[in-house]
Amino acid sequence: MPMRLSETYRAGDRVEVVFDTGGSQQWLAGQVIGSQPPGLWVRLSDGSMWFVTNTRRIRPASSAGTESE
């Protein structure tokens, strides 16, 4: 069974969240603010807050540059 988001990421972790825009994917930098099962609250660099529940939509910030997934 895959790990839950709250087991993978902690408050303060730098992450990237993917958004589908115009038929392409864009990864935006953010920081985990906290856990609220079943997901995580992430603040993006523009200050907006997002609730992420899908492990395919979030990755560690160090994964940058692998958009060919």
N, C-alpha and C. Protein backbone atom coordinates (compact mmCIF):
# COMPACT_ATOMS: atom_id res chain seq x y z
N MET A 1 0.85 -1.18 0.00
CA MET A 1 0.00 0.00 0.00
C MET A 1 0.89 1.25 0.00
N PRO A 2 0.60 2.22 -0.88
CA PRO A 2 1.42 3.43 -0.92
C PRO A 2 1.29 4.24 0.38
N MET A 3 2.35 4.98 0.65
CA MET A 3 2.32 5.83 1.85
C MET A 3 1.33 6.97 1.66
N ARG A 4 0.73 7.38 2.76
CA ARG A 4 -0.18 8.54 2.74
C ARG A 4 0.64 9.81 2.57
N LEU A 5 0.00 10.84 2.05
CA LEU A 5 0.69 12.12 1.88
C LEU A 5 1.27 12.62 3.20
N SER A 6 0.52 12.46 4.29
CA SER A 6 0.99 12.94 5.59
C SER A 6 2.18 12.14 6.11
N GLU A 7 2.41 10.95 5.56
CA GLU A 7 3.58 10.14 5.92
C GLU A 7 4.78 10.49 5.06
N THR A 8 4.53 11.08 3.91
CA THR A 8 5.59 11.42 2.96
C THR A 8 6.09 12.85 3.14
N TYR A 9 5.18 13.77 3.42
CA TYR A 9 5.52 15.19 3.52
C TYR A 9 5.16 15.73 4.90
N ARG A 10 5.97 16.64 5.39
CA ARG A 10 5.75 17.28 6.69
C ARG A 10 5.62 18.79 6.50
N ALA A 11 5.03 19.45 7.48
CA ALA A 11 4.93 20.91 7.44
C ALA A 11 6.33 21.50 7.27
N GLY A 12 6.43 22.44 6.35
CA GLY A 12 7.71 23.08 6.07
C GLY A 12 8.43 22.50 4.87
N ASP A 13 8.05 21.31 4.43
CA ASP A 13 8.70 20.70 3.26
C ASP A 13 8.43 21.53 2.01
N ARG A 14 9.46 21.69 1.20
CA ARG A 14 9.33 22.35 -0.10
C ARG A 14 8.86 21.32 -1.11
N VAL A 15 7.82 21.68 -1.86
CA VAL A 15 7.22 20.76 -2.82
C VAL A 15 6.88 21.50 -4.10
N GLU A 16 6.42 20.74 -5.07
CA GLU A 16 5.85 21.29 -6.29
C GLU A 16 4.51 20.61 -6.51
N VAL A 17 3.54 21.38 -6.98
CA VAL A 17 2.19 20.89 -7.25
C VAL A 17 1.91 21.11 -8.73
N VAL A 18 1.34 20.10 -9.38
CA VAL A 18 1.08 20.20 -10.82
C VAL A 18 -0.34 20.70 -11.08
N PHE A 19 -0.45 21.56 -12.09
CA PHE A 19 -1.73 22.07 -12.56
C PHE A 19 -1.79 21.84 -14.07
N ASP A 20 -2.94 21.41 -14.55
CA ASP A 20 -3.16 21.24 -15.98
C ASP A 20 -3.70 22.55 -16.53
N THR A 21 -2.94 23.17 -17.43
CA THR A 21 -3.35 24.44 -18.01
C THR A 21 -3.20 24.38 -19.53
N GLY A 22 -4.31 24.57 -20.22
CA GLY A 22 -4.25 24.60 -21.68
C GLY A 22 -3.70 23.35 -22.31
N GLY A 23 -3.97 22.20 -21.73
CA GLY A 23 -3.50 20.94 -22.30
C GLY A 23 -2.08 20.56 -21.92
N SER A 24 -1.42 21.35 -21.11
CA SER A 24 -0.07 21.00 -20.66
C SER A 24 -0.01 21.07 -19.13
N GLN A 25 1.01 20.43 -18.58
CA GLN A 25 1.17 20.43 -17.13
C GLN A 25 2.21 21.46 -16.71
N GLN A 26 1.91 22.15 -15.60
CA GLN A 26 2.84 23.14 -15.07
C GLN A 26 3.04 22.83 -13.59
N TRP A 27 4.29 22.63 -13.18
CA TRP A 27 4.63 22.39 -11.78
C TRP A 27 4.95 23.72 -11.12
N LEU A 28 4.26 24.02 -10.00
CA LEU A 28 4.46 25.28 -9.29
C LEU A 28 5.05 25.00 -7.91
N ALA A 29 6.01 25.82 -7.51
CA ALA A 29 6.68 25.67 -6.23
C ALA A 29 5.78 26.05 -5.07
N GLY A 30 5.92 25.33 -3.98
CA GLY A 30 5.14 25.61 -2.78
C GLY A 30 5.78 25.03 -1.54
N GLN A 31 5.08 25.18 -0.43
CA GLN A 31 5.55 24.67 0.85
C GLN A 31 4.37 24.06 1.60
N VAL A 32 4.59 22.87 2.16
CA VAL A 32 3.54 22.21 2.93
C VAL A 32 3.28 23.03 4.19
N ILE A 33 2.03 23.38 4.41
CA ILE A 33 1.63 24.16 5.58
C ILE A 33 1.16 23.24 6.70
N GLY A 34 0.46 22.17 6.33
CA GLY A 34 -0.02 21.24 7.35
C GLY A 34 -0.78 20.09 6.74
N SER A 35 -1.07 19.12 7.59
CA SER A 35 -1.79 17.93 7.19
C SER A 35 -3.23 17.99 7.69
N GLN A 36 -4.14 17.56 6.84
CA GLN A 36 -5.54 17.42 7.21
C GLN A 36 -6.08 16.24 6.41
N PRO A 37 -6.12 15.05 7.04
CA PRO A 37 -6.52 13.87 6.28
C PRO A 37 -7.81 14.11 5.50
N PRO A 38 -7.81 13.70 4.23
CA PRO A 38 -6.89 12.78 3.59
C PRO A 38 -5.76 13.45 2.81
N GLY A 39 -5.49 14.72 3.01
CA GLY A 39 -4.49 15.42 2.20
C GLY A 39 -3.62 16.38 2.97
N LEU A 40 -3.06 17.32 2.21
CA LEU A 40 -2.14 18.33 2.74
C LEU A 40 -2.55 19.71 2.26
N TRP A 41 -2.29 20.71 3.08
CA TRP A 41 -2.43 22.10 2.67
C TRP A 41 -1.07 22.58 2.20
N VAL A 42 -1.04 23.17 1.01
CA VAL A 42 0.20 23.67 0.42
C VAL A 42 0.00 25.14 0.06
N ARG A 43 0.98 25.97 0.43
CA ARG A 43 0.98 27.39 0.02
C ARG A 43 1.95 27.53 -1.13
N LEU A 44 1.43 28.01 -2.27
CA LEU A 44 2.29 28.22 -3.43
C LEU A 44 3.07 29.51 -3.28
N SER A 45 4.06 29.69 -4.14
CA SER A 45 4.91 30.87 -4.04
C SER A 45 4.14 32.17 -4.25
N ASP A 46 2.96 32.11 -4.92
CA ASP A 46 2.16 33.32 -5.11
C ASP A 46 1.25 33.61 -3.91
N GLY A 47 1.32 32.75 -2.88
CA GLY A 47 0.53 32.95 -1.66
C GLY A 47 -0.78 32.20 -1.63
N SER A 48 -1.19 31.62 -2.75
CA SER A 48 -2.46 30.88 -2.77
C SER A 48 -2.31 29.55 -2.03
N MET A 49 -3.41 29.09 -1.44
CA MET A 49 -3.42 27.84 -0.68
C MET A 49 -4.20 26.79 -1.45
N TRP A 50 -3.68 25.56 -1.47
CA TRP A 50 -4.33 24.46 -2.17
C TRP A 50 -4.34 23.24 -1.28
N PHE A 51 -5.44 22.48 -1.37
CA PHE A 51 -5.56 21.22 -0.64
C PHE A 51 -5.27 20.10 -1.63
N VAL A 52 -4.21 19.34 -1.38
CA VAL A 52 -3.75 18.30 -2.30
C VAL A 52 -4.05 16.93 -1.70
N THR A 53 -4.74 16.09 -2.47
CA THR A 53 -5.09 14.75 -2.00
C THR A 53 -4.53 13.64 -2.88
N ASN A 54 -3.96 13.98 -4.02
CA ASN A 54 -3.51 13.00 -4.99
C ASN A 54 -1.99 12.96 -5.03
N THR A 55 -1.40 11.80 -4.79
CA THR A 55 0.06 11.68 -4.77
C THR A 55 0.70 11.95 -6.12
N ARG A 56 -0.07 11.85 -7.20
CA ARG A 56 0.48 12.14 -8.53
C ARG A 56 0.53 13.64 -8.81
N ARG A 57 -0.04 14.46 -7.96
CA ARG A 57 -0.10 15.90 -8.17
C ARG A 57 0.91 16.67 -7.33
N ILE A 58 1.72 15.96 -6.53
CA ILE A 58 2.68 16.62 -5.67
C ILE A 58 3.99 15.85 -5.71
N ARG A 59 5.09 16.59 -5.63
CA ARG A 59 6.41 15.95 -5.60
C ARG A 59 7.35 16.83 -4.79
N PRO A 60 8.44 16.25 -4.29
CA PRO A 60 9.44 17.07 -3.58
C PRO A 60 10.03 18.11 -4.53
N ALA A 61 10.37 19.25 -4.02
CA ALA A 61 10.92 20.32 -4.86
C ALA A 61 12.20 19.88 -5.55
N SER A 62 12.94 18.97 -4.98
CA SER A 62 14.19 18.50 -5.58
C SER A 62 13.97 17.70 -6.85
N SER A 63 12.71 17.37 -7.18
CA SER A 63 12.40 16.62 -8.39
C SER A 63 12.28 17.52 -9.62
N ALA A 64 12.50 18.81 -9.45
CA ALA A 64 12.35 19.77 -10.54
C ALA A 64 13.17 19.33 -11.75
N GLY A 65 12.61 19.59 -12.91
CA GLY A 65 13.31 19.27 -14.13
C GLY A 65 12.95 17.91 -14.71
N THR A 66 11.96 17.23 -14.11
CA THR A 66 11.55 15.92 -14.63
C THR A 66 10.14 16.00 -15.19
N GLU A 67 9.83 17.06 -15.91
CA GLU A 67 8.47 17.26 -16.43
C GLU A 67 8.09 16.25 -17.49
N SER A 68 9.01 15.46 -17.96
CA SER A 68 8.70 14.50 -19.03
C SER A 68 7.96 13.28 -18.54
N GLU A 69 7.49 13.28 -17.31
CA GLU A 69 6.79 12.14 -16.74
C GLU A 69 5.49 11.88 -17.46
